[in-house]
């Protein structure tokens, strides 16, 4: 997704949640600076991993534990943040982890050590986590929801799950399948429910209506 197109949605999200664009931009600059000192992975290297393959994007809804069995050995696996822990429990190492560092950091670091590339997202609320955890990772690509920078991309997307889909689309897969997504979860907080509604809107922009149906 071109940033010019994404920015229209981004401004609506900022207004809906009362987020600060300047804080998002500050976080992006922090991440870009941190990435100067660690091993990065390039977009073309990620494309080499995903191009032409069937991709399974794993959300972190409770149903993921039942749906893991849908993953085939030939699939490329993209984990949205906390989904990494469930995959590790089942002996699976995702090809890519998409995270804003809210998940189980030891599991993300372990999966990264065992071969997962990590796409770290910067936003206004995770600057301290970026500073604490990014230096312990390798093969990292940076993302932001604000203006892209030298080491920080913007492929579109808001939550870890829908950002993982927008990233996967950028990597030219053969197909994309979603598992572990429950965008109508009634047990979450009102704030989380609002995020899920936005995720559903964005996923339908990316993949079309009905893409999140079980």
Protein backbone atom coordinates (compact mmCIF):
# COMPACT_ATOMS: atom_id res chain seq x y z
CA UNK A 1 0.00 0.00 0.00
CA UNK A 2 1.31 3.44 -0.92
CA UNK A 3 1.77 5.73 2.07
CA UNK A 4 -0.40 8.36 0.40
CA UNK A 5 -3.30 5.89 0.43
CA UNK A 6 -2.58 4.61 3.93
CA UNK A 7 -2.32 8.13 5.35
CA UNK A 8 -6.04 8.68 4.74
CA UNK A 9 -6.87 5.74 7.02
CA UNK A 10 -4.13 6.67 9.47
CA UNK A 11 -5.58 10.13 10.06
CA UNK A 12 -8.97 8.58 10.78
CA UNK A 13 -7.40 6.16 13.28
CA UNK A 14 -5.54 8.98 15.01
CA UNK A 15 -8.76 10.92 15.39
CA UNK A 16 -10.77 7.89 16.55
CA UNK A 17 -8.29 6.93 19.30
CA UNK A 18 -6.84 10.34 20.12
CA UNK A 19 -3.34 9.12 19.30
CA UNK A 20 -0.46 11.56 18.78
CA UNK A 21 1.12 11.57 15.35
CA UNK A 22 4.17 13.35 16.73
CA UNK A 23 4.69 10.52 19.24
CA UNK A 24 4.39 7.95 16.45
CA UNK A 25 6.99 9.88 14.48
CA UNK A 26 9.27 10.10 17.52
CA UNK A 27 9.02 6.33 17.97
CA UNK A 28 9.87 5.79 14.31
CA UNK A 29 13.00 7.91 14.65
CA UNK A 30 14.03 5.98 17.78
CA UNK A 31 13.59 2.66 15.97
CA UNK A 32 15.46 3.88 12.90
CA UNK A 33 18.38 4.89 15.10
CA UNK A 34 18.39 1.57 16.98
CA UNK A 35 18.46 -0.35 13.72
CA UNK A 36 21.73 1.30 12.74
CA UNK A 37 23.49 -0.79 15.39
CA UNK A 38 22.02 -4.27 14.87
CA UNK A 39 21.69 -6.86 12.13
CA UNK A 40 18.87 -5.83 9.81
CA UNK A 41 17.04 -7.81 7.18
CA UNK A 42 16.12 -6.16 3.90
CA UNK A 43 12.73 -6.12 2.23
CA UNK A 44 14.19 -8.03 -0.72
CA UNK A 45 15.47 -10.75 1.64
CA UNK A 46 11.99 -11.11 3.12
CA UNK A 47 10.55 -11.28 -0.38
CA UNK A 48 12.95 -14.12 -1.18
CA UNK A 49 11.46 -16.00 1.78
CA UNK A 50 7.80 -15.44 0.89
CA UNK A 51 7.54 -14.85 -2.87
CA UNK A 52 5.33 -17.40 -4.63
CA UNK A 53 4.50 -19.36 -1.47
CA UNK A 54 1.23 -20.02 0.32
CA UNK A 55 1.30 -17.86 3.44
CA UNK A 56 -0.51 -18.48 6.71
CA UNK A 57 -0.91 -15.38 8.88
CA UNK A 58 -1.49 -16.35 12.52
CA UNK A 59 -3.47 -14.07 14.81
CA UNK A 60 -3.40 -14.53 18.57
CA UNK A 61 -7.06 -15.31 19.30
CA UNK A 62 -7.63 -18.37 21.56
CA UNK A 63 -8.84 -20.35 18.54
CA UNK A 64 -5.27 -20.41 17.18
CA UNK A 65 -4.48 -23.46 19.31
CA UNK A 66 -7.16 -25.42 17.46
CA UNK A 67 -6.31 -24.00 14.04
CA UNK A 68 -2.55 -24.57 14.10
CA UNK A 69 -3.20 -27.95 12.51
CA UNK A 70 -4.20 -26.14 9.31
CA UNK A 71 -0.57 -25.13 8.72
CA UNK A 72 1.13 -27.31 6.10
CA UNK A 73 4.89 -27.98 6.06
CA UNK A 74 5.22 -26.06 2.79
CA UNK A 75 3.47 -22.93 4.10
CA UNK A 76 5.30 -19.74 4.96
CA UNK A 77 4.16 -18.70 8.44
CA UNK A 78 3.78 -15.11 9.63
CA UNK A 79 3.01 -14.70 13.34
CA UNK A 80 1.29 -11.66 14.77
CA UNK A 81 3.10 -10.91 18.04
CA UNK A 82 1.72 -13.22 20.78
CA UNK A 83 0.89 -15.93 18.24
CA UNK A 84 4.61 -16.70 18.35
CA UNK A 85 4.22 -18.33 21.77
CA UNK A 86 1.43 -20.63 20.57
CA UNK A 87 3.44 -21.66 17.53
CA UNK A 88 6.47 -22.45 19.69
CA UNK A 89 4.25 -24.60 21.93
CA UNK A 90 3.42 -26.64 18.83
CA UNK A 91 7.01 -26.92 17.66
CA UNK A 92 6.64 -24.35 14.88
CA UNK A 93 9.07 -21.53 14.14
CA UNK A 94 7.43 -18.72 12.13
CA UNK A 95 9.27 -17.36 9.14
CA UNK A 96 8.37 -13.82 10.21
CA UNK A 97 7.13 -12.29 13.47
CA UNK A 98 5.23 -9.01 13.26
CA UNK A 99 5.29 -7.31 16.65
CA UNK A 100 4.98 -4.06 18.54
CA UNK A 101 6.69 -5.87 21.43
CA UNK A 102 3.54 -6.49 23.47
CA UNK A 103 3.88 -10.27 23.23
CA UNK A 104 6.07 -12.62 25.29
CA UNK A 105 9.51 -11.16 24.63
CA UNK A 106 11.49 -14.27 25.67
CA UNK A 107 9.49 -16.31 23.14
CA UNK A 108 10.04 -13.72 20.41
CA UNK A 109 13.77 -13.66 21.16
CA UNK A 110 13.92 -17.48 21.19
CA UNK A 111 12.07 -17.75 17.89
CA UNK A 112 14.33 -15.06 16.42
CA UNK A 113 17.38 -16.99 17.63
CA UNK A 114 16.01 -20.08 15.87
CA UNK A 115 15.55 -18.31 12.55
CA UNK A 116 12.50 -16.03 12.56
CA UNK A 117 12.90 -12.59 11.04
CA UNK A 118 11.29 -9.94 13.24
CA UNK A 119 9.33 -6.99 11.86
CA UNK A 120 9.27 -4.52 14.75
CA UNK A 121 6.63 -1.80 14.76
CA UNK A 122 7.18 1.61 16.34
CA UNK A 123 4.29 3.64 17.75
CA UNK A 124 3.90 6.34 20.34
CA UNK A 125 3.24 3.97 23.23
CA UNK A 126 6.18 1.59 22.88
CA UNK A 127 9.29 3.78 22.78
CA UNK A 128 10.63 2.35 26.04
CA UNK A 129 10.09 -1.22 24.79
CA UNK A 130 11.92 -0.42 21.56
CA UNK A 131 14.93 0.81 23.51
CA UNK A 132 14.88 -2.19 25.84
CA UNK A 133 14.28 -5.07 23.43
CA UNK A 134 15.37 -4.19 19.89
CA UNK A 135 19.10 -4.41 20.74
CA UNK A 136 18.57 -8.09 21.66
CA UNK A 137 17.15 -8.99 18.24
CA UNK A 138 18.72 -9.76 14.88
CA UNK A 139 17.42 -9.90 11.31
CA UNK A 140 15.03 -7.04 12.05
CA UNK A 141 12.94 -4.88 9.72
CA UNK A 142 11.34 -1.73 11.15
CA UNK A 143 7.83 -0.41 10.48
CA UNK A 144 5.77 2.60 11.46
CA UNK A 145 2.19 3.77 11.02
CA UNK A 146 3.44 7.31 10.34
CA UNK A 147 5.80 8.56 7.61
CA UNK A 148 8.43 5.98 6.57
CA UNK A 149 12.10 6.70 7.28
CA UNK A 150 15.51 5.39 6.20
CA UNK A 151 15.29 2.12 8.17
CA UNK A 152 11.55 2.11 8.87
CA UNK A 153 8.88 1.08 6.36
CA UNK A 154 5.14 1.60 6.19
CA UNK A 155 3.17 -1.10 4.37
CA UNK A 156 -0.15 -0.12 5.92
CA UNK A 157 -2.03 -1.70 8.79
CA UNK A 158 -2.80 -0.86 12.40
CA UNK A 159 -2.92 -3.93 14.66
CA UNK A 160 -0.29 -6.66 14.58
CA UNK A 161 -2.65 -8.99 12.74
CA UNK A 162 -3.68 -6.73 9.89
CA UNK A 163 -0.15 -5.28 9.63
CA UNK A 164 1.08 -8.84 9.12
CA UNK A 165 -1.32 -9.21 6.20
CA UNK A 166 -0.27 -5.93 4.58
CA UNK A 167 3.36 -7.00 4.97
CA UNK A 168 2.66 -10.41 3.44
CA UNK A 169 1.00 -8.77 0.44
CA UNK A 170 4.13 -6.67 -0.08
CA UNK A 171 6.19 -9.87 -0.21
CA UNK A 172 4.32 -11.25 -3.25
CA UNK A 173 2.87 -14.53 -1.92
CA UNK A 174 0.94 -17.07 -3.93
CA UNK A 175 -1.93 -16.95 -1.43
CA UNK A 176 -2.74 -15.73 2.09
CA UNK A 177 -4.78 -17.66 4.65
CA UNK A 178 -5.74 -16.34 8.09
CA UNK A 179 -5.92 -18.46 11.23
CA UNK A 180 -6.25 -17.42 14.86
CA UNK A 181 -8.33 -14.34 14.11
CA UNK A 182 -11.50 -13.47 16.08
CA UNK A 183 -12.45 -9.91 15.23
CA UNK A 184 -15.89 -10.23 16.83
CA UNK A 185 -14.59 -11.30 20.24
CA UNK A 186 -17.10 -10.08 22.84
CA UNK A 187 -14.85 -10.75 25.84
CA UNK A 188 -12.34 -7.96 25.21
CA UNK A 189 -12.24 -4.42 26.57
CA UNK A 190 -14.05 -1.61 24.69
CA UNK A 191 -10.70 -0.23 23.53
CA UNK A 192 -9.60 -3.62 22.23
CA UNK A 193 -13.00 -4.08 20.57
CA UNK A 194 -12.50 -0.81 18.71
CA UNK A 195 -9.08 -1.99 17.54
CA UNK A 196 -10.62 -5.23 16.30
CA UNK A 197 -13.24 -3.30 14.34
CA UNK A 198 -10.49 -1.33 12.65
CA UNK A 199 -8.57 -4.54 11.98
CA UNK A 200 -11.63 -5.98 10.26
CA UNK A 201 -12.02 -2.90 8.08
CA UNK A 202 -8.36 -2.99 7.09
CA UNK A 203 -8.29 -6.71 6.41
CA UNK A 204 -11.28 -6.38 4.12
CA UNK A 205 -9.48 -3.60 2.26
CA UNK A 206 -6.45 -5.85 1.92
CA UNK A 207 -8.09 -9.20 1.16
CA UNK A 208 -11.74 -8.51 0.39
CA UNK A 209 -15.04 -9.03 2.25
CA UNK A 210 -15.41 -12.27 4.16
CA UNK A 211 -11.66 -12.79 4.49
CA UNK A 212 -11.91 -13.28 8.25
CA UNK A 213 -14.83 -15.72 8.22
CA UNK A 214 -13.99 -19.03 9.97
